[in-house]
Amino acid sequence: METSPSIPEEIINEFKKTFKDSETYEKIILPEICADTFKNPWYHDTRIEKRNLDSANLQQMKEFKLKKTNENNNQIVNDFIIVY
């Protein structure tokens, strides 16, 4: 199966609107994404939104872990200063 970047729904609709009434529309070989019967599930908006949310959550977890590591390191340095 051939894959390509996601094509926004507005572009697909504009394509259909532009060419649907054309005499040559039936002769145009349409990409699968322009066919009414086909949609790749991995390009749905809900899946993209979920991926973006997962990415944001991962970034928050990384920031939290870095903050805790920095706090721990600061505590170790402060303890060292007090002892010596």
C-alpha atoms as a PDB file:
ATOM      1  CA  MET A   1       0.000   0.000   0.000  1.00  0.00           C
ATOM      2  CA  GLU A   2       1.283   3.407  -0.895  1.00  0.00           C
ATOM      3  CA  THR A   3       1.205   6.066   1.794  1.00  0.00           C
ATOM      4  CA  SER A   4       1.492   9.819   1.604  1.00  0.00           C
ATOM      5  CA  PRO A   5       1.124  12.777   3.945  1.00  0.00           C
ATOM      6  CA  SER A   6      -2.322  13.635   5.184  1.00  0.00           C
ATOM      7  CA  ILE A   7      -4.386  15.787   2.822  1.00  0.00           C
ATOM      8  CA  PRO A   8      -6.676  18.199   4.675  1.00  0.00           C
ATOM      9  CA  GLU A   9     -10.393  17.614   4.184  1.00  0.00           C
ATOM     10  CA  GLU A  10     -10.802  21.166   2.836  1.00  0.00           C
ATOM     11  CA  ILE A  11      -8.406  20.395  -0.032  1.00  0.00           C
ATOM     12  CA  ILE A  12     -10.266  17.185  -0.906  1.00  0.00           C
ATOM     13  CA  ASN A  13     -13.593  19.026  -0.878  1.00  0.00           C
ATOM     14  CA  GLU A  14     -12.166  21.814  -3.044  1.00  0.00           C
ATOM     15  CA  PHE A  15     -10.865  19.218  -5.522  1.00  0.00           C
ATOM     16  CA  LYS A  16     -14.259  17.549  -5.718  1.00  0.00           C
ATOM     17  CA  LYS A  17     -16.050  20.888  -6.071  1.00  0.00           C
ATOM     18  CA  THR A  18     -13.695  22.001  -8.843  1.00  0.00           C
ATOM     19  CA  PHE A  19     -13.727  18.848 -10.939  1.00  0.00           C
ATOM     20  CA  LYS A  20     -16.980  17.017 -10.126  1.00  0.00           C
ATOM     21  CA  ASP A  21     -19.022  18.719 -12.867  1.00  0.00           C
ATOM     22  CA  SER A  22     -16.197  18.592 -15.389  1.00  0.00           C
ATOM     23  CA  GLU A  23     -16.583  16.505 -18.555  1.00  0.00           C
ATOM     24  CA  THR A  24     -13.281  14.826 -17.820  1.00  0.00           C
ATOM     25  CA  TYR A  25     -14.005  13.968 -14.179  1.00  0.00           C
ATOM     26  CA  GLU A  26     -14.719  10.333 -15.016  1.00  0.00           C
ATOM     27  CA  LYS A  27     -11.341  10.104 -16.805  1.00  0.00           C
ATOM     28  CA  ILE A  28      -9.369  11.479 -13.848  1.00  0.00           C
ATOM     29  CA  ILE A  29      -7.632   8.786 -11.852  1.00  0.00           C
ATOM     30  CA  LEU A  30      -8.388   9.799  -8.294  1.00  0.00           C
ATOM     31  CA  PRO A  31      -6.129   9.101  -5.352  1.00  0.00           C
ATOM     32  CA  GLU A  32      -7.787   6.761  -2.852  1.00  0.00           C
ATOM     33  CA  ILE A  33      -8.256   9.559  -0.358  1.00  0.00           C
ATOM     34  CA  CYS A  34     -10.557  11.408  -2.789  1.00  0.00           C
ATOM     35  CA  ALA A  35     -12.848   8.415  -3.172  1.00  0.00           C
ATOM     36  CA  ASP A  36     -15.941   8.556  -1.003  1.00  0.00           C
ATOM     37  CA  THR A  37     -15.520   4.922   0.059  1.00  0.00           C
ATOM     38  CA  PHE A  38     -11.980   5.107   1.411  1.00  0.00           C
ATOM     39  CA  LYS A  39     -10.414   6.780   4.409  1.00  0.00           C
ATOM     40  CA  ASN A  40      -7.236   5.708   6.172  1.00  0.00           C
ATOM     41  CA  PRO A  41      -7.961   5.377   9.902  1.00  0.00           C
ATOM     42  CA  TRP A  42      -4.494   6.588  10.835  1.00  0.00           C
ATOM     43  CA  TYR A  43      -5.153  10.010   9.312  1.00  0.00           C
ATOM     44  CA  HIS A  44      -8.451  10.747  11.060  1.00  0.00           C
ATOM     45  CA  ASP A  45      -8.590  13.983  13.007  1.00  0.00           C
ATOM     46  CA  THR A  46      -9.399  12.169  16.264  1.00  0.00           C
ATOM     47  CA  ARG A  47      -6.299  10.025  15.895  1.00  0.00           C
ATOM     48  CA  ILE A  48      -4.138  13.069  15.147  1.00  0.00           C
ATOM     49  CA  GLU A  49      -5.615  14.859  18.177  1.00  0.00           C
ATOM     50  CA  LYS A  50      -4.884  11.820  20.367  1.00  0.00           C
ATOM     51  CA  ARG A  51      -1.297  11.683  19.095  1.00  0.00           C
ATOM     52  CA  ASN A  52      -0.868  15.399  19.844  1.00  0.00           C
ATOM     53  CA  LEU A  53      -2.343  14.938  23.320  1.00  0.00           C
ATOM     54  CA  ASP A  54      -0.060  11.949  23.967  1.00  0.00           C
ATOM     55  CA  SER A  55       2.897  14.012  22.824  1.00  0.00           C
ATOM     56  CA  ALA A  56       1.921  16.884  25.139  1.00  0.00           C
ATOM     57  CA  ASN A  57       1.497  14.471  28.068  1.00  0.00           C
ATOM     58  CA  LEU A  58       4.904  12.948  27.358  1.00  0.00           C
ATOM     59  CA  GLN A  59       6.454  16.419  27.302  1.00  0.00           C
ATOM     60  CA  GLN A  60       4.820  17.258  30.652  1.00  0.00           C
ATOM     61  CA  MET A  61       6.152  14.022  32.151  1.00  0.00           C
ATOM     62  CA  LYS A  62       9.665  14.807  30.899  1.00  0.00           C
ATOM     63  CA  GLU A  63       9.488  18.323  32.353  1.00  0.00           C
ATOM     64  CA  PHE A  64       8.233  16.973  35.694  1.00  0.00           C
ATOM     65  CA  LYS A  65      11.014  14.377  35.816  1.00  0.00           C
ATOM     66  CA  LEU A  66      13.627  17.028  34.991  1.00  0.00           C
ATOM     67  CA  LYS A  67      12.241  19.323  37.700  1.00  0.00           C
ATOM     68  CA  LYS A  68      12.377  16.516  40.284  1.00  0.00           C
ATOM     69  CA  THR A  69      15.923  15.596  39.219  1.00  0.00           C
ATOM     70  CA  ASN A  70      17.015  19.233  39.578  1.00  0.00           C
ATOM     71  CA  GLU A  71      15.378  19.497  43.001  1.00  0.00           C
ATOM     72  CA  ASN A  72      17.119  16.295  44.093  1.00  0.00           C
ATOM     73  CA  ASN A  73      20.476  17.523  42.797  1.00  0.00           C
ATOM     74  CA  ASN A  74      20.032  20.860  44.582  1.00  0.00           C
ATOM     75  CA  GLN A  75      19.228  19.021  47.821  1.00  0.00           C
ATOM     76  CA  ILE A  76      22.363  16.886  47.485  1.00  0.00           C
ATOM     77  CA  VAL A  77      24.510  19.999  46.923  1.00  0.00           C
ATOM     78  CA  ASN A  78      22.909  21.806  49.860  1.00  0.00           C
ATOM     79  CA  ASP A  79      23.419  18.788  52.138  1.00  0.00           C
ATOM     80  CA  PHE A  80      27.052  18.617  51.062  1.00  0.00           C
ATOM     81  CA  ILE A  81      27.564  22.314  51.814  1.00  0.00           C
ATOM     82  CA  ILE A  82      26.034  21.903  55.294  1.00  0.00           C
ATOM     83  CA  VAL A  83      28.158  18.858  56.126  1.00  0.00           C
ATOM     84  CA  TYR A  84      31.450  20.324  54.866  1.00  0.00           C
END
